[in-house]
PDB file of N, CA and C in Angstrom:
ATOM      1  N   MET A   1     129.322  95.453 143.968  1.00  0.00           N
ATOM      2  CA  MET A   1     129.150  94.051 144.306  1.00  0.00           C
ATOM      3  C   MET A   1     129.002  93.229 143.021  1.00  0.00           C
ATOM      4  N   LYS A   2     129.739  92.138 142.950  1.00  0.00           N
ATOM      5  CA  LYS A   2     129.686  91.255 141.779  1.00  0.00           C
ATOM      6  C   LYS A   2     128.303  90.638 141.642  1.00  0.00           C
ATOM      7  N   LYS A   3     127.810  90.611 140.427  1.00  0.00           N
ATOM      8  CA  LYS A   3     126.570  89.908 140.108  1.00  0.00           C
ATOM      9  C   LYS A   3     126.945  88.517 139.624  1.00  0.00           C
ATOM     10  N   TYR A   4     126.419  87.490 140.270  1.00  0.00           N
ATOM     11  CA  TYR A   4     126.724  86.117 139.917  1.00  0.00           C
ATOM     12  C   TYR A   4     125.787  85.625 138.826  1.00  0.00           C
ATOM     13  N   ASN A   5     126.298  84.730 137.975  1.00  0.00           N
ATOM     14  CA  ASN A   5     125.510  84.117 136.912  1.00  0.00           C
ATOM     15  C   ASN A   5     125.069  82.728 137.356  1.00  0.00           C
ATOM     16  N   PHE A   6     123.767  82.522 137.359  1.00  0.00           N
ATOM     17  CA  PHE A   6     123.171  81.271 137.804  1.00  0.00           C
ATOM     18  C   PHE A   6     122.505  80.555 136.637  1.00  0.00           C
ATOM     19  N   VAL A   7     122.460  79.233 136.723  1.00  0.00           N
ATOM     20  CA  VAL A   7     121.563  78.422 135.920  1.00  0.00           C
ATOM     21  C   VAL A   7     120.773  77.569 136.907  1.00  0.00           C
ATOM     22  N   LEU A   8     119.608  77.137 136.479  1.00  0.00           N
ATOM     23  CA  LEU A   8     118.711  76.429 137.383  1.00  0.00           C
ATOM     24  C   LEU A   8     118.133  75.215 136.669  1.00  0.00           C
ATOM     25  N   VAL A   9     118.181  74.062 137.320  1.00  0.00           N
ATOM     26  CA  VAL A   9     117.571  72.864 136.765  1.00  0.00           C
ATOM     27  C   VAL A   9     116.351  72.509 137.612  1.00  0.00           C
ATOM     28  N   GLY A  10     115.220  72.345 136.930  1.00  0.00           N
ATOM     29  CA  GLY A  10     113.944  72.052 137.582  1.00  0.00           C
ATOM     30  C   GLY A  10     113.105  73.308 137.671  1.00  0.00           C
ATOM     31  N   CYS A  11     112.016  73.345 136.958  1.00  0.00           N
ATOM     32  CA  CYS A  11     111.166  74.539 136.899  1.00  0.00           C
ATOM     33  C   CYS A  11     109.847  74.346 137.653  1.00  0.00           C
ATOM     34  N   GLY A  12     109.903  73.659 138.767  1.00  0.00           N
ATOM     35  CA  GLY A  12     108.714  73.466 139.591  1.00  0.00           C
ATOM     36  C   GLY A  12     108.485  74.652 140.515  1.00  0.00           C
ATOM     37  N   ALA A  13     107.584  74.481 141.469  1.00  0.00           N
ATOM     38  CA  ALA A  13     107.168  75.571 142.360  1.00  0.00           C
ATOM     39  C   ALA A  13     108.328  76.153 143.161  1.00  0.00           C
ATOM     40  N   ILE A  14     109.212  75.320 143.679  1.00  0.00           N
ATOM     41  CA  ILE A  14     110.301  75.828 144.519  1.00  0.00           C
ATOM     42  C   ILE A  14     111.289  76.655 143.693  1.00  0.00           C
ATOM     43  N   ALA A  15     111.388  76.377 142.409  1.00  0.00           N
ATOM     44  CA  ALA A  15     112.307  77.126 141.548  1.00  0.00           C
ATOM     45  C   ALA A  15     111.934  78.603 141.490  1.00  0.00           C
ATOM     46  N   THR A  16     110.649  78.899 141.534  1.00  0.00           N
ATOM     47  CA  THR A  16     110.204  80.296 141.525  1.00  0.00           C
ATOM     48  C   THR A  16     110.755  81.041 142.731  1.00  0.00           C
ATOM     49  N   LYS A  17     110.737  80.412 143.884  1.00  0.00           N
ATOM     50  CA  LYS A  17     111.283  81.042 145.093  1.00  0.00           C
ATOM     51  C   LYS A  17     112.781  81.267 144.959  1.00  0.00           C
ATOM     52  N   HIS A  18     113.469  80.312 144.370  1.00  0.00           N
ATOM     53  CA  HIS A  18     114.910  80.466 144.167  1.00  0.00           C
ATOM     54  C   HIS A  18     115.207  81.616 143.203  1.00  0.00           C
ATOM     55  N   ILE A  19     114.469  81.698 142.129  1.00  0.00           N
ATOM     56  CA  ILE A  19     114.715  82.762 141.152  1.00  0.00           C
ATOM     57  C   ILE A  19     114.526  84.131 141.789  1.00  0.00           C
ATOM     58  N   LEU A  20     113.509  84.288 142.599  1.00  0.00           N
ATOM     59  CA  LEU A  20     113.276  85.587 143.239  1.00  0.00           C
ATOM     60  C   LEU A  20     114.443  85.972 144.140  1.00  0.00           C
ATOM     61  N   GLU A  21     115.018  85.016 144.841  1.00  0.00           N
ATOM     62  CA  GLU A  21     116.190  85.298 145.687  1.00  0.00           C
ATOM     63  C   GLU A  21     117.438  85.535 144.845  1.00  0.00           C
ATOM     64  N   ILE A  22     117.596  84.760 143.792  1.00  0.00           N
ATOM     65  CA  ILE A  22     118.754  84.914 142.915  1.00  0.00           C
ATOM     66  C   ILE A  22     118.801  86.318 142.343  1.00  0.00           C
ATOM     67  N   GLN A  23     117.663  86.857 141.974  1.00  0.00           N
ATOM     68  CA  GLN A  23     117.615  88.175 141.353  1.00  0.00           C
ATOM     69  C   GLN A  23     118.147  89.272 142.275  1.00  0.00           C
ATOM     70  N   ARG A  24     118.239  89.000 143.560  1.00  0.00           N
ATOM     71  CA  ARG A  24     118.801  89.978 144.498  1.00  0.00           C
ATOM     72  C   ARG A  24     120.319  90.067 144.398  1.00  0.00           C
ATOM     73  N   VAL A  25     120.962  88.972 143.957  1.00  0.00           N
ATOM     74  CA  VAL A  25     122.430  88.931 143.950  1.00  0.00           C
ATOM     75  C   VAL A  25     123.025  88.575 142.596  1.00  0.00           C
ATOM     76  N   GLY A  26     122.185  88.293 141.633  1.00  0.00           N
ATOM     77  CA  GLY A  26     122.723  87.862 140.358  1.00  0.00           C
ATOM     78  C   GLY A  26     121.690  87.789 139.273  1.00  0.00           C
ATOM     79  N   VAL A  27     122.035  86.999 138.260  1.00  0.00           N
ATOM     80  CA  VAL A  27     121.218  86.868 137.061  1.00  0.00           C
ATOM     81  C   VAL A  27     121.039  85.393 136.749  1.00  0.00           C
ATOM     82  N   VAL A  28     119.811  84.998 136.463  1.00  0.00           N
ATOM     83  CA  VAL A  28     119.555  83.645 135.978  1.00  0.00           C
ATOM     84  C   VAL A  28     119.777  83.666 134.469  1.00  0.00           C
ATOM     85  N   LYS A  29     120.765  82.921 134.012  1.00  0.00           N
ATOM     86  CA  LYS A  29     121.117  82.912 132.595  1.00  0.00           C
ATOM     87  C   LYS A  29     120.281  81.903 131.800  1.00  0.00           C
ATOM     88  N   SER A  30     120.001  80.751 132.418  1.00  0.00           N
ATOM     89  CA  SER A  30     119.197  79.745 131.733  1.00  0.00           C
ATOM     90  C   SER A  30     118.583  78.785 132.743  1.00  0.00           C
ATOM     91  N   VAL A  31     117.551  78.084 132.266  1.00  0.00           N
ATOM     92  CA  VAL A  31     116.843  77.100 133.085  1.00  0.00           C
ATOM     93  C   VAL A  31     116.698  75.817 132.283  1.00  0.00           C
ATOM     94  N   CYS A  32     116.451  74.731 133.000  1.00  0.00           N
ATOM     95  CA  CYS A  32     116.332  73.426 132.366  1.00  0.00           C
ATOM     96  C   CYS A  32     115.189  72.648 133.004  1.00  0.00           C
ATOM     97  N   ASP A  33     114.397  71.993 132.171  1.00  0.00           N
ATOM     98  CA  ASP A  33     113.361  71.082 132.650  1.00  0.00           C
ATOM     99  C   ASP A  33     112.975  70.172 131.496  1.00  0.00           C
ATOM    100  N   THR A  34     112.606  68.943 131.802  1.00  0.00           N
ATOM    101  CA  THR A  34     112.158  68.024 130.761  1.00  0.00           C
ATOM    102  C   THR A  34     110.664  68.176 130.491  1.00  0.00           C
ATOM    103  N   ASN A  35     109.957  68.859 131.380  1.00  0.00           N
ATOM    104  CA  ASN A  35     108.550  69.188 131.143  1.00  0.00           C
ATOM    105  C   ASN A  35     108.533  70.451 130.283  1.00  0.00           C
ATOM    106  N   LEU A  36     108.239  70.277 129.014  1.00  0.00           N
ATOM    107  CA  LEU A  36     108.385  71.385 128.061  1.00  0.00           C
ATOM    108  C   LEU A  36     107.435  72.544 128.332  1.00  0.00           C
ATOM    109  N   GLN A  37     106.254  72.277 128.877  1.00  0.00           N
ATOM    110  CA  GLN A  37     105.333  73.367 129.185  1.00  0.00           C
ATOM    111  C   GLN A  37     105.865  74.219 130.338  1.00  0.00           C
ATOM    112  N   ARG A  38     106.334  73.559 131.394  1.00  0.00           N
ATOM    113  CA  ARG A  38     106.926  74.312 132.520  1.00  0.00           C
ATOM    114  C   ARG A  38     108.141  75.085 132.051  1.00  0.00           C
ATOM    115  N   LEU A  39     108.964  74.458 131.231  1.00  0.00           N
ATOM    116  CA  LEU A  39     110.159  75.114 130.698  1.00  0.00           C
ATOM    117  C   LEU A  39     109.771  76.364 129.913  1.00  0.00           C
ATOM    118  N   GLU A  40     108.809  76.230 129.029  1.00  0.00           N
ATOM    119  CA  GLU A  40     108.362  77.368 128.224  1.00  0.00           C
ATOM    120  C   GLU A  40     107.815  78.491 129.113  1.00  0.00           C
ATOM    121  N   ASP A  41     107.058  78.120 130.140  1.00  0.00           N
ATOM    122  CA  ASP A  41     106.515  79.124 131.067  1.00  0.00           C
ATOM    123  C   ASP A  41     107.633  79.915 131.748  1.00  0.00           C
ATOM    124  N   PHE A  42     108.670  79.226 132.208  1.00  0.00           N
ATOM    125  CA  PHE A  42     109.795  79.899 132.867  1.00  0.00           C
ATOM    126  C   PHE A  42     110.576  80.775 131.898  1.00  0.00           C
ATOM    127  N   VAL A  43     110.795  80.264 130.691  1.00  0.00           N
ATOM    128  CA  VAL A  43     111.528  81.021 129.677  1.00  0.00           C
ATOM    129  C   VAL A  43     110.819  82.339 129.399  1.00  0.00           C
ATOM    130  N   GLU A  44     109.517  82.289 129.244  1.00  0.00           N
ATOM    131  CA  GLU A  44     108.742  83.504 128.965  1.00  0.00           C
ATOM    132  C   GLU A  44     108.677  84.431 130.182  1.00  0.00           C
ATOM    133  N   LYS A  45     108.386  83.865 131.342  1.00  0.00           N
ATOM    134  CA  LYS A  45     108.200  84.682 132.544  1.00  0.00           C
ATOM    135  C   LYS A  45     109.483  85.379 132.978  1.00  0.00           C
ATOM    136  N   TYR A  46     110.616  84.688 132.885  1.00  0.00           N
ATOM    137  CA  TYR A  46     111.873  85.226 133.407  1.00  0.00           C
ATOM    138  C   TYR A  46     112.844  85.665 132.316  1.00  0.00           C
ATOM    139  N   ASN A  47     112.437  85.551 131.058  1.00  0.00           N
ATOM    140  CA  ASN A  47     113.259  86.004 129.940  1.00  0.00           C
ATOM    141  C   ASN A  47     114.660  85.385 129.979  1.00  0.00           C
ATOM    142  N   VAL A  48     114.690  84.063 130.063  1.00  0.00           N
ATOM    143  CA  VAL A  48     115.938  83.311 130.117  1.00  0.00           C
ATOM    144  C   VAL A  48     115.950  82.286 128.993  1.00  0.00           C
ATOM    145  N   LYS A  49     117.115  81.753 128.720  1.00  0.00           N
ATOM    146  CA  LYS A  49     117.245  80.687 127.741  1.00  0.00           C
ATOM    147  C   LYS A  49     116.798  79.377 128.388  1.00  0.00           C
ATOM    148  N   GLY A  50     116.149  78.519 127.639  1.00  0.00           N
ATOM    149  CA  GLY A  50     115.664  77.244 128.170  1.00  0.00           C
ATOM    150  C   GLY A  50     116.300  76.041 127.499  1.00  0.00           C
ATOM    151  N   PHE A  51     116.489  75.000 128.283  1.00  0.00           N
ATOM    152  CA  PHE A  51     117.060  73.743 127.791  1.00  0.00           C
ATOM    153  C   PHE A  51     116.245  72.578 128.334  1.00  0.00           C
ATOM    154  N   ASP A  52     116.120  71.524 127.547  1.00  0.00           N
ATOM    155  CA  ASP A  52     115.504  70.300 128.066  1.00  0.00           C
ATOM    156  C   ASP A  52     116.562  69.245 128.398  1.00  0.00           C
ATOM    157  N   SER A  53     117.836  69.622 128.271  1.00  0.00           N
ATOM    158  CA  SER A  53     118.963  68.749 128.605  1.00  0.00           C
ATOM    159  C   SER A  53     119.890  69.493 129.582  1.00  0.00           C
ATOM    160  N   PHE A  54     120.099  68.905 130.739  1.00  0.00           N
ATOM    161  CA  PHE A  54     120.967  69.513 131.755  1.00  0.00           C
ATOM    162  C   PHE A  54     122.399  69.643 131.241  1.00  0.00           C
ATOM    163  N   SER A  55     122.913  68.569 130.655  1.00  0.00           N
ATOM    164  CA  SER A  55     124.287  68.596 130.140  1.00  0.00           C
ATOM    165  C   SER A  55     124.459  69.685 129.089  1.00  0.00           C
ATOM    166  N   GLN A  56     123.475  69.806 128.215  1.00  0.00           N
ATOM    167  CA  GLN A  56     123.538  70.823 127.163  1.00  0.00           C
ATOM    168  C   GLN A  56     123.524  72.222 127.762  1.00  0.00           C
ATOM    169  N   MET A  57     122.702  72.424 128.796  1.00  0.00           N
ATOM    170  CA  MET A  57     122.651  73.736 129.440  1.00  0.00           C
ATOM    171  C   MET A  57     124.017  74.103 130.023  1.00  0.00           C
ATOM    172  N   LEU A  58     124.655  73.143 130.692  1.00  0.00           N
ATOM    173  CA  LEU A  58     125.977  73.419 131.273  1.00  0.00           C
ATOM    174  C   LEU A  58     126.999  73.749 130.197  1.00  0.00           C
ATOM    175  N   GLN A  59     126.920  73.086 129.064  1.00  0.00           N
ATOM    176  CA  GLN A  59     127.872  73.311 127.975  1.00  0.00           C
ATOM    177  C   GLN A  59     127.617  74.618 127.238  1.00  0.00           C
ATOM    178  N   ASP A  60     126.352  74.979 127.075  1.00  0.00           N
ATOM    179  CA  ASP A  60     125.995  76.081 126.180  1.00  0.00           C
ATOM    180  C   ASP A  60     125.644  77.392 126.870  1.00  0.00           C
ATOM    181  N   THR A  61     125.823  77.464 128.180  1.00  0.00           N
ATOM    182  CA  THR A  61     125.574  78.719 128.890  1.00  0.00           C
ATOM    183  C   THR A  61     126.913  79.276 129.346  1.00  0.00           C
ATOM    184  N   PRO A  62     127.367  80.361 128.732  1.00  0.00           N
ATOM    185  CA  PRO A  62     128.673  80.922 129.104  1.00  0.00           C
ATOM    186  C   PRO A  62     128.627  81.641 130.449  1.00  0.00           C
ATOM    187  N   GLY A  63     129.742  81.588 131.158  1.00  0.00           N
ATOM    188  CA  GLY A  63     129.908  82.394 132.358  1.00  0.00           C
ATOM    189  C   GLY A  63     129.162  81.937 133.591  1.00  0.00           C
ATOM    190  N   ILE A  64     128.824  80.664 133.687  1.00  0.00           N
ATOM    191  CA  ILE A  64     128.090  80.163 134.855  1.00  0.00           C
ATOM    192  C   ILE A  64     128.973  80.246 136.093  1.00  0.00           C
ATOM    193  N   ASP A  65     128.418  80.819 137.162  1.00  0.00           N
ATOM    194  CA  ASP A  65     129.091  80.795 138.463  1.00  0.00           C
ATOM    195  C   ASP A  65     128.495  79.721 139.367  1.00  0.00           C
ATOM    196  N   ILE A  66     127.169  79.591 139.350  1.00  0.00           N
ATOM    197  CA  ILE A  66     126.486  78.723 140.307  1.00  0.00           C
ATOM    198  C   ILE A  66     125.348  77.980 139.619  1.00  0.00           C
ATOM    199  N   VAL A  67     125.258  76.680 139.892  1.00  0.00           N
ATOM    200  CA  VAL A  67     124.162  75.838 139.409  1.00  0.00           C
ATOM    201  C   VAL A  67     123.217  75.599 140.581  1.00  0.00           C
ATOM    202  N   VAL A  68     121.936  75.864 140.369  1.00  0.00           N
ATOM    203  CA  VAL A  68     120.923  75.654 141.401  1.00  0.00           C
ATOM    204  C   VAL A  68     120.107  74.421 141.018  1.00  0.00           C
ATOM    205  N   VAL A  69     120.096  73.427 141.903  1.00  0.00           N
ATOM    206  CA  VAL A  69     119.414  72.165 141.640  1.00  0.00           C
ATOM    207  C   VAL A  69     118.061  72.166 142.343  1.00  0.00           C
ATOM    208  N   CYS A  70     116.999  72.277 141.542  1.00  0.00           N
ATOM    209  CA  CYS A  70     115.613  72.250 142.034  1.00  0.00           C
ATOM    210  C   CYS A  70     114.826  71.151 141.327  1.00  0.00           C
ATOM    211  N   SER A  71     115.524  70.187 140.805  1.00  0.00           N
ATOM    212  CA  SER A  71     114.897  69.079 140.094  1.00  0.00           C
ATOM    213  C   SER A  71     114.228  68.144 141.103  1.00  0.00           C
ATOM    214  N   PRO A  72     113.488  67.139 140.620  1.00  0.00           N
ATOM    215  CA  PRO A  72     112.902  66.173 141.554  1.00  0.00           C
ATOM    216  C   PRO A  72     113.973  65.547 142.444  1.00  0.00           C
ATOM    217  N   ASN A  73     113.604  65.246 143.676  1.00  0.00           N
ATOM    218  CA  ASN A  73     114.555  64.772 144.694  1.00  0.00           C
ATOM    219  C   ASN A  73     115.453  63.633 144.214  1.00  0.00           C
ATOM    220  N   GLY A  74     114.904  62.724 143.444  1.00  0.00           N
ATOM    221  CA  GLY A  74     115.677  61.581 142.969  1.00  0.00           C
ATOM    222  C   GLY A  74     116.763  61.939 141.970  1.00  0.00           C
ATOM    223  N   MET A  75     116.730  63.172 141.448  1.00  0.00           N
ATOM    224  CA  MET A  75     117.734  63.630 140.490  1.00  0.00           C
ATOM    225  C   MET A  75     118.795  64.529 141.120  1.00  0.00           C
ATOM    226  N   HIS A  76     118.626  64.899 142.376  1.00  0.00           N
ATOM    227  CA  HIS A  76     119.557  65.835 143.022  1.00  0.00           C
ATOM    228  C   HIS A  76     121.004  65.359 142.940  1.00  0.00           C
ATOM    229  N   ALA A  77     121.232  64.106 143.265  1.00  0.00           N
ATOM    230  CA  ALA A  77     122.616  63.600 143.271  1.00  0.00           C
ATOM    231  C   ALA A  77     123.222  63.666 141.873  1.00  0.00           C
ATOM    232  N   ASN A  78     122.504  63.167 140.879  1.00  0.00           N
ATOM    233  CA  ASN A  78     123.038  63.169 139.506  1.00  0.00           C
ATOM    234  C   ASN A  78     123.343  64.584 139.028  1.00  0.00           C
ATOM    235  N   HIS A  79     122.393  65.499 139.221  1.00  0.00           N
ATOM    236  CA  HIS A  79     122.602  66.867 138.752  1.00  0.00           C
ATOM    237  C   HIS A  79     123.738  67.552 139.512  1.00  0.00           C
ATOM    238  N   THR A  80     123.779  67.360 140.812  1.00  0.00           N
ATOM    239  CA  THR A  80     124.828  67.988 141.627  1.00  0.00           C
ATOM    240  C   THR A  80     126.202  67.468 141.229  1.00  0.00           C
ATOM    241  N   ILE A  81     126.337  66.169 141.118  1.00  0.00           N
ATOM    242  CA  ILE A  81     127.635  65.578 140.785  1.00  0.00           C
ATOM    243  C   ILE A  81     128.081  66.013 139.392  1.00  0.00           C
ATOM    244  N   GLU A  82     127.169  66.023 138.444  1.00  0.00           N
ATOM    245  CA  GLU A  82     127.540  66.456 137.088  1.00  0.00           C
ATOM    246  C   GLU A  82     128.013  67.912 137.084  1.00  0.00           C
ATOM    247  N   ALA A  83     127.302  68.769 137.813  1.00  0.00           N
ATOM    248  CA  ALA A  83     127.688  70.187 137.871  1.00  0.00           C
ATOM    249  C   ALA A  83     129.031  70.357 138.577  1.00  0.00           C
ATOM    250  N   LEU A  84     129.247  69.632 139.670  1.00  0.00           N
ATOM    251  CA  LEU A  84     130.522  69.709 140.377  1.00  0.00           C
ATOM    252  C   LEU A  84     131.663  69.213 139.496  1.00  0.00           C
ATOM    253  N   GLU A  85     131.449  68.105 138.811  1.00  0.00           N
ATOM    254  CA  GLU A  85     132.477  67.554 137.919  1.00  0.00           C
ATOM    255  C   GLU A  85     132.821  68.541 136.799  1.00  0.00           C
ATOM    256  N   ALA A  86     131.835  69.344 136.400  1.00  0.00           N
ATOM    257  CA  ALA A  86     132.075  70.341 135.354  1.00  0.00           C
ATOM    258  C   ALA A  86     132.740  71.597 135.910  1.00  0.00           C
ATOM    259  N   GLY A  87     132.948  71.645 137.228  1.00  0.00           N
ATOM    260  CA  GLY A  87     133.687  72.741 137.833  1.00  0.00           C
ATOM    261  C   GLY A  87     132.847  73.878 138.389  1.00  0.00           C
ATOM    262  N   PHE A  88     131.548  73.666 138.567  1.00  0.00           N
ATOM    263  CA  PHE A  88     130.676  74.731 139.050  1.00  0.00           C
ATOM    264  C   PHE A  88     130.387  74.610 140.544  1.00  0.00           C
ATOM    265  N   HIS A  89     130.092  75.744 141.159  1.00  0.00           N
ATOM    266  CA  HIS A  89     129.538  75.752 142.511  1.00  0.00           C
ATOM    267  C   HIS A  89     128.089  75.314 142.398  1.00  0.00           C
ATOM    268  N   VAL A  90     127.557  74.678 143.455  1.00  0.00           N
ATOM    269  CA  VAL A  90     126.202  74.135 143.405  1.00  0.00           C
ATOM    270  C   VAL A  90     125.428  74.501 144.662  1.00  0.00           C
ATOM    271  N   ILE A  91     124.175  74.903 144.456  1.00  0.00           N
ATOM    272  CA  ILE A  91     123.204  75.011 145.542  1.00  0.00           C
ATOM    273  C   ILE A  91     122.160  73.950 145.259  1.00  0.00           C
ATOM    274  N   CYS A  92     121.942  73.056 146.220  1.00  0.00           N
ATOM    275  CA  CYS A  92     121.004  71.951 146.028  1.00  0.00           C
ATOM    276  C   CYS A  92     119.831  72.094 146.990  1.00  0.00           C
ATOM    277  N   GLU A  93     118.635  72.075 146.432  1.00  0.00           N
ATOM    278  CA  GLU A  93     117.409  72.125 147.220  1.00  0.00           C
ATOM    279  C   GLU A  93     117.336  70.873 148.100  1.00  0.00           C
ATOM    280  N   LYS A  94     116.665  70.975 149.224  1.00  0.00           N
ATOM    281  CA  LYS A  94     116.513  69.818 150.111  1.00  0.00           C
ATOM    282  C   LYS A  94     115.405  68.900 149.627  1.00  0.00           C
ATOM    283  N   PRO A  95     115.438  67.652 149.938  1.00  0.00           N
ATOM    284  CA  PRO A  95     116.538  66.955 150.602  1.00  0.00           C
ATOM    285  C   PRO A  95     117.733  66.839 149.659  1.00  0.00           C
ATOM    286  N   MET A  96     118.885  66.811 150.249  1.00  0.00           N
ATOM    287  CA  MET A  96     120.114  66.735 149.467  1.00  0.00           C
ATOM    288  C   MET A  96     120.092  65.516 148.547  1.00  0.00           C
ATOM    289  N   ALA A  97     119.692  64.385 149.091  1.00  0.00           N
ATOM    290  CA  ALA A  97     119.635  63.140 148.328  1.00  0.00           C
ATOM    291  C   ALA A  97     118.642  62.203 148.997  1.00  0.00           C
ATOM    292  N   LEU A  98     118.214  61.201 148.277  1.00  0.00           N
ATOM    293  CA  LEU A  98     117.282  60.225 148.833  1.00  0.00           C
ATOM    294  C   LEU A  98     117.997  59.091 149.567  1.00  0.00           C
ATOM    295  N   TYR A  99     119.257  58.881 149.209  1.00  0.00           N
ATOM    296  CA  TYR A  99     120.026  57.785 149.804  1.00  0.00           C
ATOM    297  C   TYR A  99     121.334  58.311 150.369  1.00  0.00           C
ATOM    298  N   THR A 100     121.732  57.765 151.485  1.00  0.00           N
ATOM    299  CA  THR A 100     122.973  58.174 152.137  1.00  0.00           C
ATOM    300  C   THR A 100     124.164  58.002 151.203  1.00  0.00           C
ATOM    301  N   THR A 101     124.177  56.925 150.442  1.00  0.00           N
ATOM    302  CA  THR A 101     125.302  56.693 149.531  1.00  0.00           C
ATOM    303  C   THR A 101     125.410  57.812 148.496  1.00  0.00           C
ATOM    304  N   ASP A 102     124.255  58.316 148.022  1.00  0.00           N
ATOM    305  CA  ASP A 102     124.278  59.436 147.074  1.00  0.00           C
ATOM    306  C   ASP A 102     124.812  60.701 147.735  1.00  0.00           C
ATOM    307  N   ALA A 103     124.368  60.957 148.967  1.00  0.00           N
ATOM    308  CA  ALA A 103     124.833  62.151 149.688  1.00  0.00           C
ATOM    309  C   ALA A 103     126.346  62.081 149.910  1.00  0.00           C
ATOM    310  N   ILE A 104     126.831  60.916 150.270  1.00  0.00           N
ATOM    311  CA  ILE A 104     128.271  60.739 150.482  1.00  0.00           C
ATOM    312  C   ILE A 104     129.037  60.988 149.183  1.00  0.00           C
ATOM    313  N   GLU A 105     128.502  60.494 148.059  1.00  0.00           N
ATOM    314  CA  GLU A 105     129.157  60.725 146.770  1.00  0.00           C
ATOM    315  C   GLU A 105     129.135  62.207 146.389  1.00  0.00           C
ATOM    316  N   MET A 106     128.048  62.891 146.693  1.00  0.00           N
ATOM    317  CA  MET A 106     127.957  64.330 146.422  1.00  0.00           C
ATOM    318  C   MET A 106     129.019  65.087 147.214  1.00  0.00           C
ATOM    319  N   ILE A 107     129.138  64.775 148.488  1.00  0.00           N
ATOM    320  CA  ILE A 107     130.114  65.432 149.355  1.00  0.00           C
ATOM    321  C   ILE A 107     131.541  65.107 148.900  1.00  0.00           C
ATOM    322  N   SER A 108     131.773  63.857 148.568  1.00  0.00           N
ATOM    323  CA  SER A 108     133.099  63.439 148.105  1.00  0.00           C
ATOM    324  C   SER A 108     133.491  64.179 146.827  1.00  0.00           C
ATOM    325  N   THR A 109     132.553  64.312 145.906  1.00  0.00           N
ATOM    326  CA  THR A 109     132.828  65.022 144.653  1.00  0.00           C
ATOM    327  C   THR A 109     133.105  66.491 144.924  1.00  0.00           C
ATOM    328  N   ALA A 110     132.334  67.096 145.820  1.00  0.00           N
ATOM    329  CA  ALA A 110     132.546  68.506 146.158  1.00  0.00           C
ATOM    330  C   ALA A 110     133.939  68.713 146.751  1.00  0.00           C
ATOM    331  N   LYS A 111     134.343  67.824 147.644  1.00  0.00           N
ATOM    332  CA  LYS A 111     135.676  67.934 148.236  1.00  0.00           C
ATOM    333  C   LYS A 111     136.761  67.741 147.188  1.00  0.00           C
ATOM    334  N   LYS A 112     136.573  66.754 146.322  1.00  0.00           N
ATOM    335  CA  LYS A 112     137.540  66.474 145.279  1.00  0.00           C
ATOM    336  C   LYS A 112     137.706  67.654 144.322  1.00  0.00           C
ATOM    337  N   LYS A 113     136.610  68.341 144.034  1.00  0.00           N
ATOM    338  CA  LYS A 113     136.639  69.471 143.111  1.00  0.00           C
ATOM    339  C   LYS A 113     136.920  70.799 143.818  1.00  0.00           C
ATOM    340  N   ASP A 114     137.095  70.739 145.124  1.00  0.00           N
ATOM    341  CA  ASP A 114     137.416  71.899 145.960  1.00  0.00           C
ATOM    342  C   ASP A 114     136.349  72.991 145.875  1.00  0.00           C
TER     343      ASP A 114
END
C-alpha cells in the first residue's frame, strides 16, 4: 500500500488528532503555524520539519500528496485555495469556511484544478 506524504497547517489541538490518523496511511513531512511555540512543540514531538509560512512550506517540502488544513476557521479558505492552486489534494477541517462565498470559491477552485 502506498504511503502518502502529508503536510499540515495549524498546530492546534485538532491537528494532533489528524496526525495520529495520518500516521496510519502515510507520513507527515512538515507542519506550519505562526505560533512559534506550538510549531516548535509539533516539530519536536513528531520529528517533522516546521515552517511559519504556509507558502514556504508548500514550496520547500518535496513530494507532497495531501495538504491538511487545521488552521483557524477564518484561514481555511485561503489555505485551501492556495494549496489547490499549487496542485495539491486538500483535506480541510470543519467548518469548511465561515462564509458561503468562500466555500463556493473553494469548491470552484477544486473543480477547476480537477
